[in-house]
Protein backbone atom coordinates (compact mmCIF):
# COMPACT_ATOMS: atom_id res chain seq x y z
CA MET A 1 0.00 0.00 0.00
CA ALA A 2 1.17 3.53 -0.82
CA VAL A 3 2.13 5.86 1.99
CA VAL A 4 -0.12 8.96 2.06
CA ASP A 5 -0.41 12.12 4.11
CA GLY A 6 -3.54 13.54 5.71
CA GLY A 7 -4.23 15.87 2.80
CA THR A 8 -4.44 12.90 0.44
CA LEU A 9 -6.98 11.26 2.72
CA VAL A 10 -9.11 14.42 2.93
CA GLY A 11 -9.01 14.87 -0.85
CA ARG A 12 -10.27 11.35 -1.38
CA ILE A 13 -13.15 11.88 1.03
CA LEU A 14 -14.11 15.07 -0.85
CA LYS A 15 -14.19 13.09 -4.09
CA GLU A 16 -16.16 10.31 -2.45
CA GLN A 17 -18.75 12.88 -1.29
CA ASN A 18 -19.03 14.38 -4.81
CA VAL A 19 -17.75 17.78 -3.68
CA LYS A 20 -17.43 20.05 -6.73
CA TYR A 21 -16.10 23.22 -5.11
CA LEU A 22 -13.99 23.97 -2.07
CA PHE A 23 -14.29 27.58 -0.89
CA SER A 24 -11.05 28.55 0.79
CA ILE A 25 -8.24 30.94 1.61
CA ASN A 26 -4.88 29.25 1.76
CA GLY A 27 -2.60 28.93 4.76
CA GLY A 28 0.33 26.72 5.58
CA HIS A 29 -1.71 24.73 8.06
CA THR A 30 -3.93 23.44 5.21
CA PHE A 31 -1.53 23.11 2.24
CA PRO A 32 -1.79 19.27 2.15
CA ILE A 33 -5.57 19.57 1.64
CA LEU A 34 -5.28 22.20 -1.08
CA ALA A 35 -2.59 20.13 -2.83
CA ASN A 36 -5.06 17.27 -3.26
CA LEU A 37 -7.97 19.02 -4.94
CA ASN A 38 -7.23 18.88 -8.67
CA ASN A 39 -6.48 15.17 -8.67
CA ASN A 40 -9.81 14.54 -6.97
CA GLY A 41 -11.94 16.66 -9.29
CA VAL A 42 -12.52 19.44 -6.76
CA LYS A 43 -12.34 23.05 -7.96
CA LEU A 44 -10.74 25.55 -5.59
CA ILE A 45 -12.58 28.86 -5.27
CA HIS A 46 -10.04 31.05 -3.54
CA MET A 47 -11.74 34.00 -1.88
CA ARG A 48 -10.90 37.33 -0.26
CA HIS A 49 -12.08 36.72 3.31
CA GLU A 50 -12.71 33.57 5.34
CA GLN A 51 -16.23 34.65 6.28
CA ALA A 52 -17.05 34.59 2.56
CA THR A 53 -15.82 30.99 2.25
CA ALA A 54 -18.43 29.97 4.81
CA TYR A 55 -21.11 32.14 3.20
CA ALA A 56 -20.39 30.62 -0.22
CA ALA A 57 -20.59 27.09 1.20
CA ASP A 58 -23.91 28.04 2.81
CA GLY A 59 -25.22 29.54 -0.45
CA TRP A 60 -24.31 26.32 -2.25
CA ALA A 61 -26.01 24.17 0.40
CA ARG A 62 -29.24 26.17 0.51
CA THR A 63 -29.47 26.12 -3.28
CA THR A 64 -28.58 22.49 -3.99
CA GLY A 65 -29.66 20.69 -0.82
CA THR A 66 -26.18 19.12 -0.59
CA PRO A 67 -23.33 20.01 1.79
CA GLY A 68 -21.24 23.07 1.02
CA VAL A 69 -17.58 22.82 2.01
CA CYS A 70 -15.10 25.48 3.08
CA CYS A 71 -11.51 25.22 4.24
CA VAL A 72 -9.69 27.76 6.41
CA THR A 73 -6.31 27.94 8.03
CA ALA A 74 -5.56 27.94 11.75
CA GLY A 75 -6.24 30.72 14.22
CA CYS A 76 -7.38 33.84 12.40
CA GLY A 77 -8.59 31.79 9.43
CA LEU A 78 -11.06 29.95 11.62
CA THR A 79 -12.05 32.97 13.70
CA ASN A 80 -12.67 35.02 10.54
CA ALA A 81 -15.04 32.31 9.33
CA VAL A 82 -17.07 32.16 12.53
CA THR A 83 -19.83 34.60 11.53
CA GLY A 84 -20.46 32.77 8.26
CA LEU A 85 -20.48 29.43 10.04
CA CYS A 86 -22.83 30.77 12.71
CA VAL A 87 -25.27 31.98 10.03
CA ALA A 88 -25.31 28.48 8.56
CA GLY A 89 -25.64 26.89 11.99
CA LEU A 90 -28.59 28.99 13.11
CA THR A 91 -30.23 28.58 9.71
CA GLY A 92 -29.84 24.80 9.74
CA SER A 93 -27.69 24.69 6.60
CA ALA A 94 -25.46 21.73 5.76
CA VAL A 95 -21.95 23.19 5.80
CA VAL A 96 -18.69 21.33 6.43
CA CYS A 97 -15.70 23.42 7.53
CA LEU A 98 -12.20 21.91 7.40
CA SER A 99 -9.80 23.90 9.53
CA GLY A 100 -6.09 23.74 10.05
CA GLN A 101 -4.61 23.98 13.53
CA HIS A 102 -1.30 24.32 15.35
CA PRO A 103 0.47 21.09 16.41
CA TYR A 104 -1.36 19.67 19.40
CA GLY A 105 1.90 19.18 21.24
CA GLU A 106 2.17 22.96 21.43
CA ASP A 107 -1.13 23.51 23.24
CA GLY A 108 -0.81 26.28 25.78
CA LEU A 109 2.75 27.15 24.76
CA GLY A 110 1.99 30.15 22.55
CA SER A 111 2.02 28.27 19.25
CA PHE A 112 1.73 30.25 16.00
CA GLN A 113 -1.96 30.98 15.26
CA GLU A 114 -3.04 29.01 18.30
CA ALA A 115 -6.84 28.76 18.59
CA TYR A 116 -9.35 26.03 19.29
CA GLY A 117 -12.04 25.95 16.63
CA ALA A 118 -14.02 23.05 18.05
CA ASP A 119 -14.50 25.03 21.25
CA VAL A 120 -15.20 28.34 19.49
CA CYS A 121 -17.86 26.86 17.20
CA ARG A 122 -19.54 24.41 19.56
CA THR A 123 -22.41 26.68 20.59
CA PHE A 124 -23.90 26.92 17.08
CA SER A 125 -22.55 23.82 15.33
CA LYS A 126 -24.08 20.39 15.11
CA PHE A 127 -20.71 18.62 15.13
CA THR A 128 -17.24 19.82 16.11
CA HIS A 129 -14.16 17.65 16.35
CA ARG A 130 -10.41 17.97 16.71
CA VAL A 131 -8.54 15.15 14.98
CA LEU A 132 -5.76 13.94 17.27
CA ASP A 133 -4.87 10.68 15.52
CA TRP A 134 -3.78 10.29 11.87
CA HIS A 135 -5.56 6.94 11.73
CA ARG A 136 -8.94 8.68 12.29
CA ILE A 137 -8.77 11.35 9.58
CA SER A 138 -11.02 9.52 7.09
CA PHE A 139 -13.51 8.50 9.78
CA ASP A 140 -13.75 11.98 11.29
CA VAL A 141 -14.15 13.80 7.96
CA ARG A 142 -16.85 11.35 6.86
CA GLN A 143 -18.57 11.84 10.19
CA ALA A 144 -18.63 15.58 9.52
CA PHE A 145 -20.56 14.99 6.30
CA ARG A 146 -22.91 12.54 8.04
CA GLU A 147 -23.76 15.07 10.71
CA ALA A 148 -24.10 18.04 8.35
CA ILE A 149 -26.67 16.44 6.04
CA ALA A 150 -28.66 14.33 8.53
CA PRO A 151 -31.79 15.99 9.96
CA PRO A 152 -31.67 18.49 11.45
CA GLN A 153 -29.06 19.78 9.01
CA GLY A 154 -26.26 21.93 10.39
CA VAL A 155 -22.61 22.88 10.55
CA SER A 156 -19.73 20.45 11.04
CA VAL A 157 -16.30 21.78 11.98
CA VAL A 158 -13.25 19.51 11.79
CA GLU A 159 -9.89 20.92 12.75
CA ILE A 160 -6.75 18.95 11.96
CA PRO A 161 -3.47 19.89 13.67
CA THR A 162 -0.46 20.10 11.36
CA ASN A 163 1.35 17.23 13.06
CA VAL A 164 -1.63 15.05 12.13
CA LEU A 165 -2.38 16.47 8.67
CA TYR A 166 1.23 16.40 7.45
CA ASN A 167 1.85 12.95 8.95
CA GLN A 168 2.07 9.92 6.66
CA GLY A 169 1.00 6.30 6.85
CA GLU A 170 -0.61 3.49 4.94
CA GLU A 171 -4.19 4.16 3.93
CA GLN A 172 -5.26 0.67 4.92
CA ASP A 173 -4.58 1.62 8.53
CA GLN A 174 -7.36 4.22 8.58
CA VAL A 175 -10.22 3.54 11.01
CA ARG A 176 -13.19 2.11 9.13
CA GLY A 177 -16.78 3.28 9.44
CA ALA A 178 -18.82 6.49 9.32
CA LYS A 179 -20.42 5.56 6.00
CA VAL A 180 -22.24 8.51 4.47
CA TYR A 181 -25.63 7.50 3.09
CA ASP A 182 -27.64 9.29 0.46
CA PRO A 183 -30.62 10.93 2.21
CA ASP A 184 -32.97 8.77 0.11
CA GLN A 185 -31.57 5.69 1.85
CA LEU A 186 -32.48 6.93 5.33
CA ARG A 187 -36.03 8.19 4.89
CA SER A 188 -38.71 6.94 7.28
CA GLN A 189 -42.50 7.10 7.20
CA GLY A 190 -44.81 8.37 9.92
CA ASP A 191 -47.03 6.34 12.22
CA PRO A 192 -50.09 5.25 10.17
CA ARG A 193 -52.37 6.03 13.13
CA ALA A 194 -51.20 9.65 13.17
CA ILE A 195 -51.65 9.82 9.39
CA GLU A 196 -55.28 8.71 9.66
CA ARG A 197 -55.97 11.15 12.48
CA THR A 198 -54.48 14.03 10.50
CA VAL A 199 -56.61 13.25 7.45
CA GLU A 200 -59.69 13.10 9.69
CA LEU A 201 -58.82 16.53 11.07
CA LEU A 202 -58.33 17.88 7.54
CA ALA A 203 -61.71 16.55 6.47
CA ARG A 204 -63.47 18.30 9.36
CA ALA A 205 -61.52 21.58 9.35
CA GLU A 206 -63.13 24.74 7.99
CA LYS A 207 -60.02 26.91 8.17
CA PRO A 208 -57.03 24.60 7.69
CA LEU A 209 -53.51 25.82 6.98
CA LEU A 210 -50.45 23.96 5.68
CA VAL A 211 -47.13 25.43 6.81
CA GLY A 212 -43.82 24.45 5.20
CA GLY A 213 -40.30 25.23 6.42
CA ASP A 214 -36.69 24.15 5.99
CA GLY A 215 -37.53 20.46 6.33
CA VAL A 216 -39.54 20.62 3.11
CA PHE A 217 -36.48 21.91 1.25
CA TRP A 218 -33.99 19.41 2.66
CA SER A 219 -36.27 16.43 2.02
CA GLU A 220 -37.18 17.73 -1.47
CA ALA A 221 -40.84 17.59 -0.52
CA GLY A 222 -42.06 20.72 -2.31
CA LYS A 223 -43.95 18.74 -4.93
CA GLU A 224 -45.73 16.68 -2.29
CA LEU A 225 -46.68 19.73 -0.23
CA ALA A 226 -48.23 21.37 -3.28
CA GLU A 227 -50.06 18.18 -4.25
CA LEU A 228 -51.56 17.77 -0.77
CA ALA A 229 -52.67 21.41 -0.80
CA GLU A 230 -54.43 21.04 -4.14
CA LEU A 231 -56.09 17.75 -3.17
CA THR A 232 -57.50 19.12 0.08
CA ARG A 233 -58.03 22.75 -1.01
CA THR A 234 -55.84 23.93 1.86
CA PRO A 235 -53.97 27.26 1.83
CA VAL A 236 -50.18 27.10 2.23
CA TYR A 237 -47.75 29.41 4.01
CA THR A 238 -44.02 28.69 3.50
CA ARG A 239 -40.88 30.27 4.92
CA ARG A 240 -37.14 29.87 5.23
CA ALA A 241 -35.60 27.43 2.73
CA GLY A 242 -39.05 25.97 2.09
CA HIS A 243 -40.31 29.33 0.84
CA GLY A 244 -41.88 28.82 -2.57
CA SER A 245 -42.63 25.10 -2.16
CA LEU A 246 -46.04 26.09 -3.42
CA ALA A 247 -45.40 28.85 -5.93
CA GLU A 248 -46.75 32.11 -4.57
CA ASP A 249 -48.58 32.90 -7.79
CA ARG A 250 -50.89 29.95 -7.09
CA PRO A 251 -54.33 30.68 -5.58
CA LEU A 252 -53.65 28.60 -2.45
CA ALA A 253 -50.42 30.42 -1.54
CA ILE A 254 -50.32 32.82 1.41
CA GLN A 255 -47.44 35.30 1.46
CA GLY A 256 -45.68 36.28 4.65
CA ALA A 257 -46.54 39.96 4.31
CA TRP A 258 -50.26 39.21 4.76
CA LYS A 259 -50.24 35.95 6.71
CA LYS A 260 -51.60 37.10 10.08
CA PRO A 261 -55.33 36.87 9.31
CA PHE A 262 -54.70 33.21 8.46
CA THR A 263 -51.99 32.08 10.88
CA GLY A 264 -53.93 33.88 13.59
CA ARG A 265 -57.36 32.36 12.80
CA ALA A 266 -56.83 28.86 11.41
CA ASP A 267 -58.62 25.98 13.13
CA LEU A 268 -56.04 23.41 11.98
CA VAL A 269 -52.31 24.01 11.40
CA ILE A 270 -50.23 21.27 9.82
CA ALA A 271 -46.57 22.31 10.19
CA VAL A 272 -44.14 20.39 7.97
CA GLY A 273 -40.44 20.71 8.74
CA PHE A 274 -41.26 24.12 10.20
CA ARG A 275 -39.58 25.86 13.11
CA PHE A 276 -41.52 28.40 15.17
CA TRP A 277 -38.44 30.54 15.85
CA SER A 278 -38.39 34.20 16.89
CA GLY A 279 -39.19 35.38 13.36
CA GLU A 280 -42.45 33.44 13.73
CA LYS A 281 -43.03 34.90 17.21
CA PHE A 282 -42.39 31.41 18.65
CA GLY A 283 -45.81 30.35 17.43
CA GLN A 284 -47.55 32.61 19.93
CA PRO A 285 -50.67 34.81 19.61
CA PRO A 286 -51.61 37.06 18.01
CA THR A 287 -49.40 36.05 15.06
CA TRP A 288 -50.34 32.39 15.57
CA THR A 289 -53.60 31.20 17.00
CA ASP A 290 -53.70 29.22 20.22
CA LYS A 291 -57.18 27.94 19.39
CA ALA A 292 -56.20 25.66 16.49
CA THR A 293 -55.29 21.99 16.53
CA TYR A 294 -51.61 21.65 15.63
CA VAL A 295 -50.11 18.76 13.69
CA GLN A 296 -46.32 18.78 13.47
CA ILE A 297 -44.32 16.70 10.99
CA ASP A 298 -40.55 16.54 11.37
CA ALA A 299 -37.72 14.10 10.80
CA THR A 300 -36.21 15.03 14.17
CA PRO A 301 -38.25 14.04 17.24
CA THR A 302 -36.91 16.86 19.41
CA ARG A 303 -38.22 19.47 16.96
CA VAL A 304 -41.81 18.30 17.47
CA GLY A 305 -43.57 20.32 20.17
CA TRP A 306 -40.47 22.45 20.73
CA GLN A 307 -42.22 25.83 20.66
CA VAL A 308 -45.84 24.83 20.00
CA PRO A 309 -47.37 21.85 21.85
CA ALA A 310 -48.63 19.91 18.82
CA GLU A 311 -51.55 17.59 19.50
CA VAL A 312 -50.57 15.23 16.70
CA ALA A 313 -46.87 14.42 16.47
CA ILE A 314 -45.57 12.72 13.33
CA VAL A 315 -41.88 11.81 13.25
CA GLY A 316 -40.78 11.01 9.73
CA ASP A 317 -39.28 12.34 6.54
CA PRO A 318 -41.52 15.14 5.20
CA LYS A 319 -41.48 13.76 1.65
CA LEU A 320 -42.65 10.32 2.71
CA VAL A 321 -45.10 11.56 5.33
CA LEU A 322 -46.73 13.93 2.85
CA ARG A 323 -46.98 11.06 0.37
CA GLN A 324 -48.72 9.00 3.07
CA LEU A 325 -51.16 11.84 3.65
CA ILE A 326 -51.80 12.21 -0.08
CA GLU A 327 -52.64 8.52 -0.47
CA ALA A 328 -54.89 8.59 2.60
CA VAL A 329 -56.73 11.66 1.27
CA LYS A 330 -57.25 9.99 -2.11
CA ALA A 331 -58.90 7.07 -0.32
CA ARG A 332 -61.58 9.44 0.99
CA GLN A 333 -61.65 12.09 -1.73
CA ALA A 334 -65.37 12.62 -1.30
CA ASP A 335 -64.59 14.58 1.88
CA PHE A 336 -62.59 17.12 -0.12
CA GLY A 337 -65.01 18.27 -2.80
CA PRO A 338 -65.04 21.57 -4.71
CA LYS A 339 -66.93 23.39 -1.95
CA LYS A 340 -64.47 22.40 0.78
CA ASN A 341 -63.04 25.48 2.52
CA SER A 342 -64.64 27.78 -0.07
CA THR A 343 -65.23 30.64 2.39
CA TRP A 344 -61.68 30.35 3.74
CA LEU A 345 -60.22 30.31 0.23
CA GLY A 346 -62.32 33.33 -0.67
CA GLU A 347 -60.69 35.21 2.19
CA VAL A 348 -57.24 34.25 0.85
CA ALA A 349 -58.12 35.57 -2.60
CA THR A 350 -59.44 38.83 -1.16
CA ALA A 351 -56.36 39.34 1.02
CA ARG A 352 -54.05 38.75 -1.95
CA GLU A 353 -55.94 41.23 -4.10
CA THR A 354 -56.11 43.84 -1.34
CA PHE A 355 -52.43 43.57 -0.51
CA GLY A 356 -51.39 43.69 -4.16
CA LYS A 357 -53.45 46.83 -4.73
CA MET A 358 -51.99 48.47 -1.63
CA VAL A 359 -48.42 47.80 -2.82
CA ARG A 360 -49.17 49.05 -6.34
CA ASP A 361 -50.85 52.21 -5.02
CA ARG A 362 -47.98 52.86 -2.64
CA ALA A 363 -45.46 52.41 -5.44
CA ALA A 364 -47.37 54.73 -7.77
CA GLY A 365 -47.01 57.52 -5.27
CA VAL A 366 -43.21 57.29 -5.19
CA ARG A 367 -42.51 56.21 -8.75
CA GLU A 368 -40.68 59.39 -9.73
CA SER A 369 -39.17 60.12 -6.32
CA ARG A 370 -35.57 61.23 -6.06
CA PRO A 371 -33.55 59.87 -4.39
CA ILE A 372 -34.98 56.55 -5.54
CA HIS A 373 -37.56 54.83 -3.33
CA PRO A 374 -37.22 51.09 -2.53
CA ASP A 375 -40.64 50.35 -4.06
CA ARG A 376 -39.47 51.66 -7.43
CA LEU A 377 -36.18 49.75 -7.31
CA ILE A 378 -37.58 46.38 -6.24
CA GLY A 379 -40.63 46.68 -8.45
CA ASP A 380 -38.40 47.34 -11.46
CA LEU A 381 -36.04 44.53 -10.48
CA VAL A 382 -38.90 42.04 -10.33
CA SER A 383 -40.07 43.21 -13.76
CA VAL A 384 -36.65 42.48 -15.27
CA VAL A 385 -35.38 39.24 -13.69
CA ASP A 386 -36.28 35.77 -14.91
CA LYS A 387 -38.98 33.99 -12.94
CA ASP A 388 -36.50 31.27 -11.99
CA ALA A 389 -33.82 33.72 -10.77
CA THR A 390 -32.35 33.20 -7.31
CA VAL A 391 -32.23 36.22 -4.98
CA VAL A 392 -29.84 36.63 -2.06
CA ILE A 393 -31.00 39.25 0.45
CA ASP A 394 -28.33 41.32 2.20
CA SER A 395 -30.15 44.52 3.11
CA PHE A 396 -32.41 45.10 6.09
CA THR A 397 -34.19 47.99 4.40
CA LEU A 398 -34.84 46.17 1.14
CA SER A 399 -35.72 42.83 2.74
CA GLY A 400 -39.18 44.14 3.61
CA TYR A 401 -39.80 45.41 0.10
CA ILE A 402 -38.65 42.15 -1.45
CA SER A 403 -41.20 40.31 0.68
CA HIS A 404 -43.86 42.59 -0.82
CA TRP A 405 -42.77 42.33 -4.47
CA TRP A 406 -40.99 39.01 -5.02
CA THR A 407 -42.98 35.92 -5.97
CA ALA A 408 -41.19 32.78 -4.74
CA ARG A 409 -41.78 29.88 -7.11
CA PHE A 410 -39.56 27.08 -5.80
CA PRO A 411 -37.77 26.19 -2.57
CA GLY A 412 -34.27 27.60 -2.30
CA GLN A 413 -35.07 30.53 -4.58
CA ILE A 414 -34.66 33.05 -1.76
CA VAL A 415 -31.51 32.94 0.37
CA ASP A 416 -31.10 35.23 3.36
CA ALA A 417 -29.10 35.75 6.55
CA GLY A 418 -31.32 33.61 8.77
CA PRO A 419 -31.76 34.17 12.51
CA LEU A 420 -28.25 35.59 13.03
CA ALA A 421 -29.09 38.42 10.59
CA PRO A 422 -25.68 39.94 9.88
CA VAL A 423 -24.81 42.00 6.81
CA GLY A 424 -22.02 41.37 4.34
CA HIS A 425 -23.02 37.79 3.53
CA GLY A 426 -24.66 38.49 0.17
CA ILE A 427 -21.68 38.36 -2.21
CA GLY A 428 -20.28 35.14 -0.76
CA MET A 429 -23.69 33.46 -0.71
CA GLY A 430 -24.36 34.72 -4.23
CA ILE A 431 -21.13 33.13 -5.48
CA GLY A 432 -22.13 29.80 -3.96
CA ALA A 433 -25.65 30.04 -5.38
CA GLN A 434 -24.43 31.03 -8.86
CA LEU A 435 -22.01 28.07 -8.99
CA ALA A 436 -24.89 25.86 -7.90
CA ARG A 437 -27.16 27.20 -10.66
CA PRO A 438 -24.96 27.79 -13.71
CA GLY A 439 -26.81 29.44 -16.58
CA LYS A 440 -29.50 30.84 -14.27
CA GLN A 441 -29.73 34.38 -13.00
CA VAL A 442 -28.55 35.02 -9.44
CA VAL A 443 -28.97 38.49 -7.97
CA THR A 444 -27.75 39.75 -4.61
CA VAL A 445 -29.68 42.71 -3.23
CA ILE A 446 -27.21 44.37 -0.89
CA GLY A 447 -26.81 47.57 1.10
CA ASP A 448 -23.69 49.71 1.17
CA GLY A 449 -23.02 48.50 4.73
CA GLY A 450 -22.92 44.91 3.54
CA MET A 451 -20.86 45.86 0.50
CA GLY A 452 -18.26 47.42 2.77
CA ILE A 453 -17.94 44.19 4.76
CA GLY A 454 -18.11 41.56 2.03
CA GLY A 455 -17.96 43.36 -1.30
CA TRP A 456 -14.37 42.58 -2.18
CA ASP A 457 -15.36 39.06 -3.14
CA MET A 458 -16.82 40.57 -6.29
CA GLU A 459 -13.17 40.25 -7.37
CA THR A 460 -13.49 36.52 -6.69
CA ALA A 461 -16.53 36.43 -8.96
CA ALA A 462 -14.60 38.28 -11.66
CA LYS A 463 -11.58 36.01 -11.33
CA TYR A 464 -13.66 32.87 -11.85
CA GLY A 465 -16.12 34.32 -14.35
CA ILE A 466 -19.14 33.99 -12.04
CA PRO A 467 -21.89 36.29 -13.42
CA LEU A 468 -23.41 37.32 -10.09
CA VAL A 469 -25.36 40.60 -10.29
CA ALA A 470 -25.23 42.78 -7.17
CA VAL A 471 -27.96 45.41 -6.90
CA LEU A 472 -26.53 47.89 -4.43
CA TRP A 473 -28.81 50.09 -2.31
CA ASN A 474 -26.43 53.01 -1.81
CA ASN A 475 -28.01 55.30 0.78
CA SER A 476 -24.68 56.33 2.38
CA SER A 477 -25.91 55.21 5.78
CA TRP A 478 -25.63 52.43 8.31
CA GLY A 479 -29.13 51.62 9.43
CA PRO A 480 -32.38 53.62 9.63
CA SER A 481 -32.65 57.37 9.46
CA PHE A 482 -32.81 59.17 12.79
CA GLU A 483 -36.24 60.44 11.78
CA GLN A 484 -37.42 56.85 12.16
CA MET A 485 -35.45 56.25 15.36
CA PRO A 486 -36.15 59.26 17.62
CA ILE A 487 -34.29 57.61 20.51
CA LEU A 488 -31.09 58.41 18.61
CA LYS A 489 -31.85 61.81 17.12
CA GLY A 490 -29.64 64.52 18.62
CA ARG A 491 -28.02 62.05 21.03
CA THR A 492 -25.24 60.60 18.90
CA ASP A 493 -23.42 61.26 15.67
CA PRO A 494 -25.12 60.10 12.45
CA PHE A 495 -24.32 56.63 11.14
CA ASP A 496 -23.37 58.06 7.77
CA MET A 497 -20.77 57.09 5.19
CA LEU A 498 -19.17 59.24 2.56
CA PRO A 499 -22.06 60.26 0.30
CA ASN A 500 -22.75 58.62 -3.04
CA ILE A 501 -19.61 56.49 -3.33
CA ARG A 502 -19.14 55.27 -6.90
CA TYR A 503 -18.98 51.56 -6.17
CA ASP A 504 -19.61 50.86 -9.84
CA ARG A 505 -16.27 52.45 -10.73
CA ILE A 506 -14.45 50.63 -7.94
CA PHE A 507 -15.63 47.24 -9.10
CA LYS A 508 -15.08 48.02 -12.77
CA GLU A 509 -11.40 48.22 -11.86
CA LEU A 510 -11.69 44.63 -10.59
CA GLY A 511 -13.11 43.35 -13.86
CA CYS A 512 -16.83 43.67 -13.13
CA HIS A 513 -19.54 45.34 -15.18
CA GLY A 514 -20.64 48.58 -13.47
CA GLU A 515 -23.76 50.71 -13.64
CA HIS A 516 -24.57 53.94 -11.80
CA VAL A 517 -28.23 54.86 -11.26
CA GLU A 518 -29.61 58.12 -9.88
CA GLN A 519 -32.77 58.60 -11.95
CA PRO A 520 -35.73 56.20 -11.57
CA ASP A 521 -36.02 55.68 -15.33
CA GLU A 522 -32.40 54.49 -15.42
CA ILE A 523 -33.10 51.40 -13.28
CA VAL A 524 -34.52 49.00 -15.86
CA PRO A 525 -31.96 49.71 -18.65
CA ALA A 526 -29.10 49.41 -16.14
CA LEU A 527 -30.38 46.09 -14.81
CA ARG A 528 -30.83 44.69 -18.31
CA ARG A 529 -27.29 45.66 -19.29
CA ALA A 530 -25.95 44.09 -16.11
CA PHE A 531 -27.66 40.74 -16.74
CA GLU A 532 -26.75 40.78 -20.42
CA SER A 533 -23.08 41.54 -19.75
CA GLY A 534 -22.34 37.94 -18.81
CA LYS A 535 -19.99 39.28 -16.14
CA PRO A 536 -20.26 39.86 -12.41
CA ALA A 537 -21.95 43.23 -12.16
CA VAL A 538 -22.58 45.98 -9.64
CA VAL A 539 -25.62 48.22 -10.17
CA ASN A 540 -24.98 51.19 -7.88
CA VAL A 541 -28.39 52.73 -7.05
CA ILE A 542 -28.50 55.99 -5.10
CA GLY A 543 -31.34 55.38 -2.67
CA ASP A 544 -33.30 57.56 -0.30
CA LYS A 545 -31.67 57.32 3.14
CA ARG A 546 -34.86 58.61 4.79
CA ILE A 547 -36.66 55.38 3.89
CA GLY A 548 -36.17 52.33 6.07
CA HIS A 549 -37.71 48.88 6.34
CA PRO A 550 -41.49 49.11 5.81
CA THR A 551 -42.17 47.96 9.38
CA LEU A 552 -40.44 51.05 10.76
CA GLY A 553 -41.76 54.52 11.29
CA GLY A 554 -45.50 54.17 10.79
CA ASN A 555 -46.30 53.01 7.28
CA LEU A 556 -49.19 51.91 5.14
CA LEU A 557 -49.24 48.23 6.00
CA GLY A 558 -50.76 48.27 9.45
CA SER A 559 -51.74 44.82 10.70
CA THR A 560 -50.45 43.05 7.60
CA GLN A 561 -46.84 43.52 8.73
CA VAL A 562 -44.63 40.63 9.80
């Protein structure tokens, strides 16, 4: 048997796991890994900041449903990546991080770049491990992939000290085990008794609601969720990675911006792979009713009843459980005739029409405003992009307007910052998403705050010919205007930046296509040129700094806000 080092072993595991891209910044602690990429069919995407390597891996994972992989060097490499890894961890995204580390014999001696990634990342990761034995490298790296992709999906961090990674031995002496199975091989059905009870509840309900979350995306159950909705004439609300499982242009779809009359009044809620986190007010009134019967379907038993005490608990893979429900409904289709839930569905149609008119009327009033209003920018963006474009959201202000204008049509179409809610993630995530969806449009909607933190990876996009389009909301400000936040007005210095920075010119120097937009009528032509350029592009839009997120400062939405 040939003698191999640790990098050879890691490279072979990456090939075994069908890894196409490794997002990384080099460092001497990880050279053996980087030296074994080409011969294993793995493309290195070398980035500008370690946080972006984690963001790109996350963007890949939440677009493909397969693990994204990043690799960082010891010490500062790992600590720089922490925010990106934490975003993925809190979002439940399957990311594997391979980290270098100082020799373990130098613990506590002041070793070069001494840090302890397993300890740093433990609070938000699903799996962290420090490899202390060369013979366990293959086992431990495989285990990282097992943990990342198994429900509930999450982050795996494996750090390998240099005296282990650079060490050599015979491959046959590696510890066996930690086989990584395709998710299809590990699916399980729900208890048939709970299936029958759920169908009985659906048949009797007058105001039922299907709710889909991340679990729908990871189990690829979007088709089944939509089919069950159509069979039972049940409205659907989807969020997180499951957003768009039922396309929001379908009559049964409820959008988040006007969900409260339905989440707050349903008599039956069937939650599929859905987490009632803080963004969902922990499932509490008045956003969510406490009068409904709750059915919760999840592949992970501990997720059931976590925030909402579900009366019917179904542990199983969402795809298979939904298929069980579909077959059970078909067996009693007479209970789900054309008049089923007609009043409830009429309310959905009315709410959609009312909300759409409100948004259009609001936009008409600011159409010619200068500086440009978010309604004009996002409305024009939606009119230009392809219906199957992926959008990465990296702007607090614009996130609310996207939720009003964008129609999600498939799970994984919208990628955001998740519960951690940083800024600066959009370019890295956009790179991962664009590599995952070659030939499709990917647009990052980003603020100038986020561009300042993560924008330099537009050079990465240019270097590798990745045609990501960044629509930049340039309002020369960090955060809301003081007019909207009276607690700050007159009490501290403004959170301003230099006004009207020409980011388009900056990124042109890096090989990107650049557009500068000050007039409302310039938006559409600039966007079209950006998408048609075939290059990474920055569309620098001078926005109105007085306008914040639509939930701030008393606006037109009232009780429809989320």
